[in-house]
Structure formats: C-alpha cells, structure tokens
Amino acid sequence: MRSPKKSFIGDRNGGIEGLPLQLLIMVLIAGIGSAIILGWMGGLQAPSTISAVHASANEIVLEDSDKDGVYVGDGIDLTITVLDQNGDPIEGASVVLDGGGLQDVSGRRPHGVTDAQGRATLDDLTASHIGKSLSFVTVTVAKSGITSSRSITIPVVCA
C-alpha cells in the first residue's frame, strides 16, 4: 500500500523549508526601502534662518544742548547687517526700527530692506526724548520664506 500524497497547502508544519527564503526576501526589501528613504532624506536641507543681526552703533546718544529737558539727536546713521545660520548675508530682509523717539526725515518709523551684502543703511535719522532716562530702539528683521525673525535692542542714552 502506498502512502497518500501529502499536500503542503494549508499545512503549517510543512512550510518550514520556505521560511528562510521568505525571511531573506523581507530583509532585502526592508533594506532597499530604508536605503531609498535615507537617500531621500539626505538630500533635504534645513530651512534658512536669521541667525544674527548686527547694528553699526552700540548705543544712540542724545543731548540737551538748550537745557530744556528735551534730549535730541540729529543726523543719526545706522547700518543693520543680517546673516543666516551659515554666516552668509541675507538679501531682501525687511528691517524696522521702533522706539527711542527715532524717526526718518519724513517723521515716520525708520525701515529698510537689506542689500546683497545683507545690509540696510538708514541715514539722517532723528531722535528725541523728554527727560533724562534710558530708552531703547528695537530693530526687528524678517524675511518671507525664512522660518524665523530676529530683533535686537539699541540703548538710547540721554547725556
């Protein structure tokens, strides 16, 4: 008598011979998929950020030449330099100065846009302050497409 033909379909005990091959195929597919994902991620760059903002003046000094308690400064020139995380200049960043009684020749809040060297030059500004106290000018810098904005303060000293 012959033994009946054994069918391995649906037989969990009979599939052990194919397990190492299936495992090898799964490891190979996982390795290729990981390599593709890591290669794609390696080509990504971090978004630019405004890393540093520098002003040409450490402070603005106002004087009360006529002793009436109003401290004034005329012809104030400021250059603001904006750099990214690599230390490269950022062109086209908006620069706004606020506070300290600082105004441009039109009597408005001074503002500008950085050039190819990352500089915004604001010339012939005036400032006034009543009373001998310390105030500050806030320099705010922002650019569309850059994930962060930065600000610095410049003290306004009444001498």
Protein backbone atom coordinates (compact mmCIF):
# COMPACT_ATOMS: atom_id res chain seq x y z
CA MET A 1 0.00 0.00 0.00
CA ARG A 2 1.17 3.35 -0.95
CA SER A 3 1.06 6.29 1.37
CA PRO A 4 -1.21 9.04 0.26
CA LYS A 5 0.36 12.09 -1.34
CA LYS A 6 0.98 14.78 1.19
CA SER A 7 -0.18 18.31 0.32
CA PHE A 8 1.69 21.22 1.88
CA ILE A 9 -1.01 23.73 1.07
CA GLY A 10 -2.57 24.81 4.32
CA ASP A 11 -0.13 22.64 6.30
CA ARG A 12 1.75 24.90 8.71
CA ASN A 13 4.24 22.20 9.62
CA GLY A 14 5.31 21.66 6.02
CA GLY A 15 6.20 25.30 5.26
CA ILE A 16 9.38 25.44 7.34
CA GLU A 17 11.63 24.87 4.31
CA GLY A 18 10.39 28.14 2.70
CA LEU A 19 10.74 30.29 5.84
CA PRO A 20 14.42 31.24 5.42
CA LEU A 21 13.79 32.27 1.81
CA GLN A 22 10.77 34.39 2.80
CA LEU A 23 12.74 35.94 5.66
CA LEU A 24 15.63 36.74 3.32
CA ILE A 25 13.26 38.42 0.84
CA MET A 26 11.65 40.51 3.63
CA VAL A 27 15.07 41.64 4.94
CA LEU A 28 16.18 42.55 1.42
CA ILE A 29 13.02 44.59 0.74
CA ALA A 30 13.32 46.37 4.12
CA GLY A 31 16.97 47.20 3.43
CA ILE A 32 16.24 48.61 -0.02
CA GLY A 33 13.31 50.65 1.34
CA SER A 34 15.46 52.05 4.16
CA ALA A 35 18.23 52.98 1.72
CA ILE A 36 15.74 54.81 -0.51
CA ILE A 37 14.25 56.74 2.42
CA LEU A 38 17.67 57.66 3.86
CA GLY A 39 18.90 58.78 0.45
CA TRP A 40 15.85 60.97 0.01
CA MET A 41 16.23 62.47 3.49
CA GLY A 42 19.94 63.09 2.95
CA GLY A 43 19.11 65.44 0.10
CA LEU A 44 16.89 67.62 2.29
CA GLN A 45 18.28 70.93 3.51
CA ALA A 46 17.35 72.74 6.67
CA PRO A 47 15.36 75.90 6.04
CA SER A 48 17.26 79.16 6.25
CA THR A 49 17.04 81.08 9.48
CA ILE A 50 18.07 84.56 10.52
CA SER A 51 20.92 83.79 12.84
CA ALA A 52 22.49 87.18 13.57
CA VAL A 53 21.53 90.85 13.42
CA HIS A 54 24.22 93.47 13.99
CA ALA A 55 23.92 97.26 14.30
CA SER A 56 26.68 99.73 13.46
CA ALA A 57 26.09 101.56 16.77
CA ASN A 58 26.13 100.04 20.26
CA GLU A 59 24.11 102.99 21.55
CA ILE A 60 22.50 106.24 20.42
CA VAL A 61 23.43 109.32 22.44
CA LEU A 62 21.01 112.27 22.71
CA GLU A 63 21.95 115.68 24.10
CA ASP A 64 20.02 118.54 25.71
CA SER A 65 22.00 121.49 24.34
CA ASP A 66 19.47 124.17 25.39
CA LYS A 67 18.80 122.62 28.84
CA ASP A 68 15.02 122.46 28.38
CA GLY A 69 14.72 118.77 29.33
CA VAL A 70 14.24 117.58 25.73
CA TYR A 71 17.13 115.43 24.55
CA VAL A 72 17.67 115.43 20.79
CA GLY A 73 19.89 113.69 18.27
CA ASP A 74 20.12 114.64 14.60
CA GLY A 75 21.91 113.07 11.64
CA ILE A 76 21.95 109.58 13.13
CA ASP A 77 23.19 106.94 10.67
CA LEU A 78 22.64 103.23 11.34
CA THR A 79 23.64 100.19 9.32
CA ILE A 80 21.93 96.91 10.17
CA THR A 81 23.58 93.68 8.98
CA VAL A 82 21.59 90.42 8.74
CA LEU A 83 23.21 86.96 8.49
CA ASP A 84 21.87 83.42 8.13
CA GLN A 85 22.87 80.30 10.10
CA ASN A 86 25.98 79.85 7.89
CA GLY A 87 27.14 83.45 8.38
CA ASP A 88 26.09 84.42 4.85
CA PRO A 89 24.31 87.76 4.23
CA ILE A 90 20.55 87.69 3.72
CA GLU A 91 19.32 89.87 0.88
CA GLY A 92 15.79 91.29 0.83
CA ALA A 93 15.09 91.13 4.58
CA SER A 94 12.80 93.84 6.00
CA VAL A 95 14.32 95.93 8.78
CA VAL A 96 12.09 98.06 11.04
CA LEU A 97 13.29 100.34 13.87
CA ASP A 98 10.85 101.21 16.62
CA GLY A 99 11.09 103.19 19.85
CA GLY A 100 13.51 105.66 21.36
CA GLY A 101 11.75 108.54 19.60
CA LEU A 102 13.60 107.57 16.40
CA GLN A 103 12.19 108.92 13.10
CA ASP A 104 13.27 109.24 9.47
CA VAL A 105 13.31 112.56 7.59
CA SER A 106 9.57 112.17 6.87
CA GLY A 107 8.72 111.77 10.56
CA ARG A 108 7.89 108.08 10.16
CA ARG A 109 9.23 104.92 11.73
CA PRO A 110 12.57 104.09 10.03
CA HIS A 111 12.59 100.98 7.86
CA GLY A 112 14.60 99.48 5.02
CA VAL A 113 15.49 96.35 3.06
CA THR A 114 18.85 94.56 3.11
CA ASP A 115 21.06 94.56 0.01
CA ALA A 116 23.21 91.73 -1.43
CA GLN A 117 25.69 92.19 1.45
CA GLY A 118 22.88 91.78 3.99
CA ARG A 119 23.00 95.47 4.97
CA ALA A 120 20.24 98.04 5.37
CA THR A 121 21.57 101.58 5.78
CA LEU A 122 19.27 104.11 7.43
CA ASP A 123 20.66 107.65 7.16
CA ASP A 124 19.85 111.05 8.61
CA LEU A 125 17.56 109.81 11.39
CA THR A 126 16.43 112.00 14.28
CA ALA A 127 15.56 111.05 17.84
CA SER A 128 14.09 112.93 20.75
CA HIS A 129 13.30 112.03 24.32
CA ILE A 130 11.82 114.03 27.19
CA GLY A 131 13.63 113.66 30.49
CA LYS A 132 16.95 112.07 31.31
CA SER A 133 16.09 108.40 31.24
CA LEU A 134 17.17 105.37 29.27
CA SER A 135 15.08 104.14 26.34
CA PHE A 136 15.59 101.57 23.63
CA VAL A 137 15.25 101.21 19.87
CA THR A 138 14.07 97.76 18.82
CA VAL A 139 15.41 96.53 15.49
CA THR A 140 13.15 93.81 14.04
CA VAL A 141 14.22 91.80 10.99
CA ALA A 142 12.05 89.38 8.98
CA LYS A 143 12.05 87.86 5.51
CA SER A 144 9.42 85.90 3.62
CA GLY A 145 10.47 82.27 3.16
CA ILE A 146 12.72 82.29 6.22
CA THR A 147 11.39 80.46 9.23
CA SER A 148 12.40 82.93 11.91
CA SER A 149 12.59 86.62 12.59
CA ARG A 150 15.04 88.31 14.94
CA SER A 151 15.24 91.50 16.90
CA ILE A 152 17.90 93.38 18.83
CA THR A 153 17.76 96.46 21.03
CA ILE A 154 19.94 99.55 20.88
CA PRO A 155 20.03 101.70 24.03
CA VAL A 156 19.21 105.41 23.67
CA VAL A 157 21.19 107.34 26.27
CA CYS A 158 20.45 110.92 27.32
CA ALA A 159 23.74 112.64 28.11
